[in-house]
N, C-alpha and C. Protein backbone atom coordinates (compact mmCIF):
# COMPACT_ATOMS: atom_id res chain seq x y z
N MET A 1 0.84 -1.18 0.00
CA MET A 1 0.00 0.00 0.00
C MET A 1 0.89 1.25 0.00
N ASN A 2 0.53 2.22 -0.81
CA ASN A 2 1.29 3.46 -0.90
C ASN A 2 0.88 4.44 0.20
N ILE A 3 1.77 5.37 0.47
CA ILE A 3 1.52 6.44 1.44
C ILE A 3 0.25 7.20 1.06
N GLU A 4 0.10 7.49 -0.22
CA GLU A 4 -1.05 8.28 -0.68
C GLU A 4 -2.38 7.64 -0.27
N ASP A 5 -2.41 6.32 -0.18
CA ASP A 5 -3.64 5.62 0.20
C ASP A 5 -3.90 5.65 1.70
N ALA A 6 -2.86 5.88 2.49
CA ALA A 6 -3.00 5.81 3.94
C ALA A 6 -2.88 7.18 4.64
N MET A 7 -2.34 8.18 3.94
CA MET A 7 -2.07 9.47 4.58
C MET A 7 -3.33 10.28 4.85
N GLN A 8 -3.20 11.22 5.74
CA GLN A 8 -4.27 12.19 6.00
C GLN A 8 -4.02 13.38 5.09
N LYS A 9 -5.04 13.75 4.34
CA LYS A 9 -4.87 14.86 3.40
C LYS A 9 -5.25 16.20 4.02
N ASP A 10 -6.12 16.17 5.01
CA ASP A 10 -6.53 17.39 5.71
C ASP A 10 -5.57 17.58 6.89
N VAL A 11 -4.49 18.32 6.65
CA VAL A 11 -3.39 18.41 7.62
C VAL A 11 -3.49 19.68 8.45
N ILE A 12 -3.36 19.51 9.75
CA ILE A 12 -3.21 20.66 10.64
C ILE A 12 -1.75 21.07 10.52
N LYS A 13 -1.53 22.32 10.15
CA LYS A 13 -0.17 22.81 9.94
C LYS A 13 -0.04 24.18 10.55
N PHE A 14 1.20 24.58 10.73
CA PHE A 14 1.48 25.88 11.34
C PHE A 14 2.49 26.63 10.49
N HIS A 15 2.60 27.92 10.78
CA HIS A 15 3.58 28.78 10.12
C HIS A 15 4.65 29.17 11.13
N GLU A 16 5.81 29.53 10.65
CA GLU A 16 6.97 29.79 11.50
C GLU A 16 6.72 30.85 12.58
N LEU A 17 5.86 31.82 12.31
CA LEU A 17 5.65 32.91 13.26
C LEU A 17 4.43 32.69 14.16
N ASP A 18 3.83 31.51 14.11
CA ASP A 18 2.74 31.20 15.03
C ASP A 18 3.30 31.11 16.45
N LYS A 19 2.51 31.55 17.42
CA LYS A 19 2.95 31.52 18.81
C LYS A 19 2.72 30.14 19.42
N ILE A 20 3.60 29.78 20.32
CA ILE A 20 3.54 28.47 20.96
C ILE A 20 2.21 28.27 21.68
N VAL A 21 1.72 29.31 22.32
CA VAL A 21 0.46 29.18 23.05
C VAL A 21 -0.67 28.76 22.11
N ASP A 22 -0.66 29.29 20.88
CA ASP A 22 -1.70 28.94 19.90
C ASP A 22 -1.50 27.51 19.39
N VAL A 23 -0.25 27.12 19.20
CA VAL A 23 0.06 25.76 18.76
C VAL A 23 -0.37 24.75 19.83
N ALA A 24 -0.02 25.05 21.08
CA ALA A 24 -0.39 24.14 22.18
C ALA A 24 -1.90 24.00 22.28
N GLN A 25 -2.62 25.09 22.11
CA GLN A 25 -4.09 25.04 22.15
C GLN A 25 -4.63 24.17 21.02
N SER A 26 -4.06 24.32 19.84
CA SER A 26 -4.49 23.52 18.69
C SER A 26 -4.19 22.04 18.91
N PHE A 27 -3.01 21.74 19.47
CA PHE A 27 -2.68 20.34 19.79
C PHE A 27 -3.76 19.75 20.69
N ARG A 28 -4.11 20.50 21.70
CA ARG A 28 -5.10 20.00 22.68
C ARG A 28 -6.47 19.82 22.04
N GLU A 29 -6.92 20.83 21.30
CA GLU A 29 -8.25 20.77 20.67
C GLU A 29 -8.36 19.64 19.65
N ASN A 30 -7.27 19.41 18.92
CA ASN A 30 -7.29 18.40 17.86
C ASN A 30 -6.74 17.04 18.28
N LYS A 31 -6.33 16.95 19.55
CA LYS A 31 -5.80 15.70 20.10
C LYS A 31 -4.66 15.15 19.25
N ILE A 32 -3.69 16.05 18.96
CA ILE A 32 -2.49 15.65 18.22
C ILE A 32 -1.27 16.04 19.06
N SER A 33 -0.13 15.48 18.71
CA SER A 33 1.08 15.78 19.47
C SER A 33 2.16 16.46 18.63
N GLY A 34 1.86 16.73 17.37
CA GLY A 34 2.82 17.40 16.52
C GLY A 34 2.23 17.68 15.16
N ALA A 35 2.91 18.58 14.42
CA ALA A 35 2.42 18.96 13.09
C ALA A 35 3.54 19.61 12.29
N PRO A 36 3.38 19.61 10.96
CA PRO A 36 4.38 20.26 10.12
C PRO A 36 4.29 21.79 10.21
N VAL A 37 5.42 22.43 9.93
CA VAL A 37 5.49 23.89 9.85
C VAL A 37 5.82 24.21 8.40
N VAL A 38 5.04 25.11 7.79
CA VAL A 38 5.22 25.45 6.38
C VAL A 38 5.51 26.94 6.21
N ASP A 39 6.09 27.27 5.05
CA ASP A 39 6.31 28.67 4.72
C ASP A 39 5.11 29.17 3.90
N ASP A 40 5.23 30.37 3.35
CA ASP A 40 4.12 30.96 2.60
C ASP A 40 3.79 30.22 1.31
N GLU A 41 4.72 29.40 0.83
CA GLU A 41 4.49 28.62 -0.39
C GLU A 41 4.04 27.19 -0.09
N ASN A 42 3.73 26.92 1.19
CA ASN A 42 3.29 25.60 1.66
C ASN A 42 4.41 24.56 1.60
N LYS A 43 5.67 25.02 1.59
CA LYS A 43 6.81 24.10 1.64
C LYS A 43 7.12 23.82 3.11
N VAL A 44 7.39 22.57 3.41
CA VAL A 44 7.68 22.16 4.78
C VAL A 44 9.06 22.68 5.18
N VAL A 45 9.08 23.45 6.29
CA VAL A 45 10.35 24.02 6.79
C VAL A 45 10.71 23.48 8.17
N GLY A 46 9.81 22.70 8.75
CA GLY A 46 10.09 22.15 10.07
C GLY A 46 8.92 21.34 10.58
N VAL A 47 9.08 20.85 11.79
CA VAL A 47 8.03 20.10 12.48
C VAL A 47 8.02 20.62 13.91
N ILE A 48 6.84 20.80 14.47
CA ILE A 48 6.70 21.22 15.87
C ILE A 48 5.98 20.11 16.62
N SER A 49 6.47 19.79 17.81
CA SER A 49 5.86 18.72 18.59
C SER A 49 5.72 19.14 20.05
N GLU A 50 4.96 18.35 20.78
CA GLU A 50 4.83 18.60 22.22
C GLU A 50 6.21 18.55 22.88
N GLY A 51 7.07 17.66 22.42
CA GLY A 51 8.41 17.55 22.98
C GLY A 51 9.20 18.84 22.82
N ASP A 52 9.06 19.50 21.65
CA ASP A 52 9.75 20.78 21.44
C ASP A 52 9.27 21.82 22.45
N ILE A 53 7.96 21.83 22.70
CA ILE A 53 7.40 22.79 23.65
C ILE A 53 7.84 22.45 25.06
N MET A 54 7.83 21.18 25.41
CA MET A 54 8.24 20.77 26.76
C MET A 54 9.69 21.14 27.05
N ARG A 55 10.55 21.01 26.04
CA ARG A 55 11.96 21.36 26.25
C ARG A 55 12.14 22.85 26.53
N LEU A 56 11.20 23.66 26.08
CA LEU A 56 11.29 25.11 26.30
C LEU A 56 11.02 25.47 27.75
N ILE A 57 10.14 24.71 28.37
CA ILE A 57 9.74 25.02 29.74
C ILE A 57 10.71 24.38 30.70
N GLU A 58 11.43 25.20 31.43
CA GLU A 58 12.36 24.69 32.43
C GLU A 58 11.58 24.34 33.68
N VAL A 59 11.85 23.17 34.22
CA VAL A 59 11.16 22.75 35.43
C VAL A 59 12.07 23.03 36.62
N HIS A 60 11.53 23.79 37.57
CA HIS A 60 12.29 24.14 38.76
C HIS A 60 11.72 23.36 39.94
N SER A 61 12.60 22.94 40.81
CA SER A 61 12.14 22.27 42.02
C SER A 61 13.01 22.74 43.18
N PRO A 62 12.39 23.00 44.32
CA PRO A 62 13.17 23.47 45.46
C PRO A 62 14.14 22.39 45.92
N LYS A 63 15.32 22.81 46.31
CA LYS A 63 16.34 21.87 46.80
C LYS A 63 16.32 21.92 48.32
N ILE A 64 15.69 20.93 48.89
CA ILE A 64 15.54 20.88 50.34
C ILE A 64 16.14 19.57 50.83
N ASN A 65 16.90 19.65 51.90
CA ASN A 65 17.47 18.45 52.50
C ASN A 65 16.37 17.82 53.35
N LEU A 66 15.73 16.77 52.80
CA LEU A 66 14.59 16.18 53.49
C LEU A 66 15.00 15.20 54.59
N ILE A 67 16.25 14.80 54.63
CA ILE A 67 16.66 13.84 55.66
C ILE A 67 16.81 14.55 57.00
N LEU A 68 17.68 15.53 57.06
CA LEU A 68 17.88 16.31 58.28
C LEU A 68 17.92 17.79 57.92
N PRO A 69 16.74 18.41 57.74
CA PRO A 69 16.75 19.83 57.36
C PRO A 69 17.32 20.69 58.49
N ALA A 70 18.15 21.62 58.09
CA ALA A 70 18.71 22.57 59.06
C ALA A 70 17.63 23.58 59.43
N PRO A 71 17.72 24.18 60.61
CA PRO A 71 16.73 25.20 60.98
C PRO A 71 16.62 26.31 59.95
N LEU A 72 17.73 26.68 59.32
CA LEU A 72 17.66 27.74 58.30
C LEU A 72 16.88 27.28 57.07
N ASP A 73 16.97 25.97 56.75
CA ASP A 73 16.18 25.45 55.63
C ASP A 73 14.69 25.66 55.89
N LEU A 74 14.25 25.40 57.09
CA LEU A 74 12.84 25.55 57.42
C LEU A 74 12.40 27.00 57.37
N ILE A 75 13.28 27.90 57.77
CA ILE A 75 12.95 29.33 57.73
C ILE A 75 12.93 29.83 56.28
N GLU A 76 13.90 29.35 55.47
CA GLU A 76 14.02 29.82 54.09
C GLU A 76 13.05 29.14 53.13
N LEU A 77 12.45 28.04 53.52
CA LEU A 77 11.59 27.27 52.63
C LEU A 77 10.50 28.11 51.95
N PRO A 78 9.71 28.91 52.69
CA PRO A 78 8.67 29.70 52.00
C PRO A 78 9.27 30.69 50.99
N ILE A 79 10.43 31.25 51.30
CA ILE A 79 11.07 32.20 50.39
C ILE A 79 11.53 31.47 49.13
N ARG A 80 12.15 30.31 49.32
CA ARG A 80 12.60 29.51 48.17
C ARG A 80 11.44 29.10 47.29
N MET A 81 10.35 28.65 47.91
CA MET A 81 9.20 28.19 47.14
C MET A 81 8.58 29.34 46.35
N LYS A 82 8.51 30.53 46.94
CA LYS A 82 7.98 31.70 46.23
C LYS A 82 8.87 32.02 45.03
N HIS A 83 10.18 31.94 45.24
CA HIS A 83 11.13 32.19 44.15
C HIS A 83 10.93 31.17 43.03
N GLU A 84 10.78 29.90 43.40
CA GLU A 84 10.57 28.84 42.40
C GLU A 84 9.28 29.07 41.63
N LEU A 85 8.20 29.44 42.31
CA LEU A 85 6.93 29.70 41.64
C LEU A 85 7.05 30.87 40.68
N ASN A 86 7.79 31.91 41.08
CA ASN A 86 8.01 33.05 40.19
C ASN A 86 8.77 32.64 38.93
N GLU A 87 9.78 31.78 39.09
CA GLU A 87 10.55 31.30 37.94
C GLU A 87 9.67 30.47 37.01
N ILE A 88 8.82 29.64 37.55
CA ILE A 88 7.90 28.83 36.73
C ILE A 88 6.96 29.74 35.96
N ALA A 89 6.41 30.75 36.63
CA ALA A 89 5.50 31.69 35.97
C ALA A 89 6.22 32.43 34.84
N GLU A 90 7.47 32.82 35.06
CA GLU A 90 8.26 33.50 34.02
C GLU A 90 8.49 32.56 32.84
N ASP A 91 8.81 31.31 33.12
CA ASP A 91 9.01 30.33 32.04
C ASP A 91 7.74 30.15 31.22
N MET A 92 6.61 30.06 31.88
CA MET A 92 5.34 29.88 31.17
C MET A 92 5.02 31.10 30.31
N GLU A 93 5.28 32.29 30.84
CA GLU A 93 5.03 33.52 30.07
C GLU A 93 5.95 33.57 28.85
N LYS A 94 7.23 33.22 29.05
CA LYS A 94 8.20 33.19 27.95
C LYS A 94 7.75 32.18 26.89
N ALA A 95 7.30 31.03 27.33
CA ALA A 95 6.87 29.99 26.39
C ALA A 95 5.67 30.46 25.58
N GLY A 96 4.73 31.13 26.22
CA GLY A 96 3.53 31.58 25.53
C GLY A 96 3.80 32.62 24.47
N SER A 97 4.81 33.44 24.66
CA SER A 97 5.08 34.52 23.71
C SER A 97 6.12 34.14 22.65
N THR A 98 6.71 32.97 22.77
CA THR A 98 7.71 32.52 21.81
C THR A 98 7.03 32.04 20.53
N VAL A 99 7.67 32.32 19.39
CA VAL A 99 7.14 31.80 18.13
C VAL A 99 7.82 30.46 17.84
N ILE A 100 7.13 29.61 17.11
CA ILE A 100 7.62 28.24 16.92
C ILE A 100 8.89 28.17 16.10
N ASP A 101 9.17 29.19 15.32
CA ASP A 101 10.41 29.24 14.55
C ASP A 101 11.63 29.06 15.46
N GLN A 102 11.51 29.47 16.71
CA GLN A 102 12.63 29.42 17.64
C GLN A 102 12.85 28.03 18.26
N ILE A 103 11.83 27.17 18.20
CA ILE A 103 11.98 25.86 18.86
C ILE A 103 11.67 24.66 17.98
N MET A 104 11.13 24.89 16.79
CA MET A 104 10.73 23.77 15.94
C MET A 104 11.95 22.95 15.52
N THR A 105 11.71 21.72 15.16
CA THR A 105 12.74 20.85 14.63
C THR A 105 12.90 21.16 13.15
N ARG A 106 14.11 21.53 12.77
CA ARG A 106 14.36 21.91 11.38
C ARG A 106 14.83 20.73 10.52
N LYS A 107 15.34 19.69 11.18
CA LYS A 107 15.76 18.51 10.43
C LYS A 107 14.49 17.72 10.11
N ILE A 108 14.07 17.84 8.87
CA ILE A 108 12.77 17.29 8.48
C ILE A 108 12.96 15.93 7.82
N ILE A 109 12.30 14.94 8.38
CA ILE A 109 12.25 13.62 7.76
C ILE A 109 10.90 13.58 7.05
N LYS A 110 10.92 13.52 5.74
CA LYS A 110 9.67 13.55 4.97
C LYS A 110 9.64 12.40 3.99
N ILE A 111 8.49 12.24 3.35
CA ILE A 111 8.31 11.11 2.43
C ILE A 111 7.40 11.55 1.29
N GLY A 112 7.52 10.89 0.17
CA GLY A 112 6.68 11.17 -0.99
C GLY A 112 5.44 10.29 -1.00
N PRO A 113 4.42 10.68 -1.75
CA PRO A 113 3.16 9.93 -1.76
C PRO A 113 3.24 8.55 -2.40
N ASP A 114 4.27 8.31 -3.23
CA ASP A 114 4.38 7.03 -3.92
C ASP A 114 5.16 5.98 -3.14
N ALA A 115 5.77 6.39 -2.02
CA ALA A 115 6.50 5.43 -1.18
C ALA A 115 5.51 4.47 -0.53
N SER A 116 6.02 3.36 -0.05
CA SER A 116 5.15 2.37 0.60
C SER A 116 5.02 2.68 2.09
N ILE A 117 3.99 2.14 2.72
CA ILE A 117 3.84 2.36 4.16
C ILE A 117 4.95 1.67 4.94
N SER A 118 5.52 0.61 4.37
CA SER A 118 6.65 -0.02 5.06
C SER A 118 7.87 0.89 5.03
N ASP A 119 8.03 1.68 3.95
CA ASP A 119 9.11 2.67 3.90
C ASP A 119 8.90 3.72 4.99
N ALA A 120 7.66 4.15 5.16
CA ALA A 120 7.33 5.15 6.18
C ALA A 120 7.61 4.59 7.57
N ALA A 121 7.19 3.35 7.80
CA ALA A 121 7.42 2.72 9.11
C ALA A 121 8.91 2.62 9.40
N GLU A 122 9.69 2.26 8.40
CA GLU A 122 11.14 2.15 8.58
C GLU A 122 11.77 3.51 8.89
N LEU A 123 11.34 4.55 8.17
CA LEU A 123 11.84 5.91 8.43
C LEU A 123 11.49 6.37 9.84
N MET A 124 10.24 6.15 10.24
CA MET A 124 9.81 6.56 11.58
C MET A 124 10.62 5.85 12.65
N ASP A 125 10.84 4.57 12.45
CA ASP A 125 11.59 3.79 13.44
C ASP A 125 13.06 4.23 13.50
N SER A 126 13.69 4.37 12.35
CA SER A 126 15.12 4.70 12.33
C SER A 126 15.40 6.13 12.81
N HIS A 127 14.45 7.03 12.61
CA HIS A 127 14.65 8.43 13.02
C HIS A 127 13.91 8.78 14.32
N LYS A 128 13.23 7.79 14.89
CA LYS A 128 12.50 7.98 16.16
C LYS A 128 11.51 9.14 16.08
N VAL A 129 10.69 9.17 15.01
CA VAL A 129 9.66 10.18 14.85
C VAL A 129 8.29 9.50 14.79
N LYS A 130 7.26 10.27 15.09
CA LYS A 130 5.90 9.72 15.15
C LYS A 130 5.05 10.07 13.94
N ARG A 131 5.57 10.97 13.11
CA ARG A 131 4.80 11.43 11.95
C ARG A 131 5.76 11.85 10.86
N LEU A 132 5.31 11.75 9.62
CA LEU A 132 6.11 12.20 8.48
C LEU A 132 5.26 13.11 7.60
N PRO A 133 5.75 14.31 7.31
CA PRO A 133 5.05 15.12 6.30
C PRO A 133 5.18 14.42 4.94
N VAL A 134 4.11 14.43 4.18
CA VAL A 134 4.13 13.87 2.83
C VAL A 134 4.20 15.07 1.88
N VAL A 135 5.22 15.08 1.03
CA VAL A 135 5.46 16.23 0.16
C VAL A 135 5.49 15.81 -1.30
N ASP A 136 5.17 16.79 -2.16
CA ASP A 136 5.26 16.54 -3.60
C ASP A 136 6.70 16.79 -4.06
N ASN A 137 6.92 16.77 -5.37
CA ASN A 137 8.28 16.93 -5.92
C ASN A 137 8.88 18.30 -5.62
N GLU A 138 8.04 19.29 -5.33
CA GLU A 138 8.53 20.65 -5.04
C GLU A 138 8.72 20.88 -3.54
N GLY A 139 8.47 19.85 -2.73
CA GLY A 139 8.61 19.98 -1.28
C GLY A 139 7.40 20.59 -0.61
N LYS A 140 6.30 20.67 -1.35
CA LYS A 140 5.06 21.24 -0.79
C LYS A 140 4.27 20.17 -0.07
N LEU A 141 3.68 20.56 1.06
CA LEU A 141 2.92 19.64 1.90
C LEU A 141 1.63 19.20 1.20
N ILE A 142 1.44 17.89 1.10
CA ILE A 142 0.21 17.36 0.53
C ILE A 142 -0.52 16.42 1.50
N GLY A 143 0.14 16.08 2.61
CA GLY A 143 -0.48 15.19 3.58
C GLY A 143 0.47 14.91 4.73
N ILE A 144 0.01 14.04 5.61
CA ILE A 144 0.84 13.60 6.74
C ILE A 144 0.51 12.14 7.00
N ILE A 145 1.51 11.39 7.39
CA ILE A 145 1.29 10.00 7.77
C ILE A 145 1.84 9.80 9.18
N THR A 146 1.03 9.20 10.03
CA THR A 146 1.42 8.98 11.42
C THR A 146 1.53 7.48 11.67
N ARG A 147 2.04 7.14 12.84
CA ARG A 147 2.11 5.72 13.20
C ARG A 147 0.71 5.11 13.21
N GLY A 148 -0.27 5.88 13.71
CA GLY A 148 -1.65 5.39 13.74
C GLY A 148 -2.19 5.13 12.35
N ASP A 149 -1.81 5.97 11.38
CA ASP A 149 -2.25 5.76 9.99
C ASP A 149 -1.68 4.46 9.43
N ILE A 150 -0.44 4.19 9.78
CA ILE A 150 0.20 2.96 9.28
C ILE A 150 -0.48 1.74 9.89
N ILE A 151 -0.74 1.79 11.18
CA ILE A 151 -1.44 0.67 11.83
C ILE A 151 -2.83 0.50 11.24
N GLY A 152 -3.53 1.63 11.03
CA GLY A 152 -4.86 1.57 10.41
C GLY A 152 -4.82 0.98 9.03
N ALA A 153 -3.79 1.32 8.23
CA ALA A 153 -3.66 0.77 6.89
C ALA A 153 -3.42 -0.73 6.93
N MET A 154 -2.66 -1.19 7.91
CA MET A 154 -2.40 -2.63 8.07
C MET A 154 -3.69 -3.37 8.39
N VAL A 155 -4.51 -2.78 9.26
CA VAL A 155 -5.78 -3.41 9.64
C VAL A 155 -6.73 -3.45 8.45
N ARG A 156 -6.80 -2.32 7.72
CA ARG A 156 -7.67 -2.27 6.53
C ARG A 156 -7.21 -3.24 5.46
N GLY A 157 -5.88 -3.45 5.40
CA GLY A 157 -5.33 -4.37 4.40
C GLY A 157 -5.74 -5.81 4.63
N ASP A 158 -6.10 -6.14 5.89
CA ASP A 158 -6.51 -7.50 6.21
C ASP A 158 -7.98 -7.75 5.92
N GLU A 159 -8.75 -6.69 5.66
CA GLU A 159 -10.19 -6.88 5.46
C GLU A 159 -10.51 -7.40 4.09
């Protein structure tokens, strides 16, 4: 079975200057974990995923000696926790205002519509990706194939 027979043609895609907060909202609403990023000519220039967004957000945790806390640790704990919460809030604000061009994956693993689904599965496995943009000869986005699409194609092939 060819990619063209198994791919999704109605692709959720983003542009380089879209804000992360909007991308994250779209991921949630559409129950997806990543999507291609295209330029004004619909050429794939990157991929954005939940992992890219997660790497942007630094996770802070208070460093407390839980075995034998010193008296000063107990006094400083509320101050440290307030500082940590402020840092988390700053990270979230920074993440929301960042455009995806700054964090997207630029190394694009893509595939053509005439390739087989086994080729797609092999590419996904060897490059540890969950989705492949499907592009025409000019590099323009025409679809996307995910691991779920490949599994669905295998099931349909047995019917």
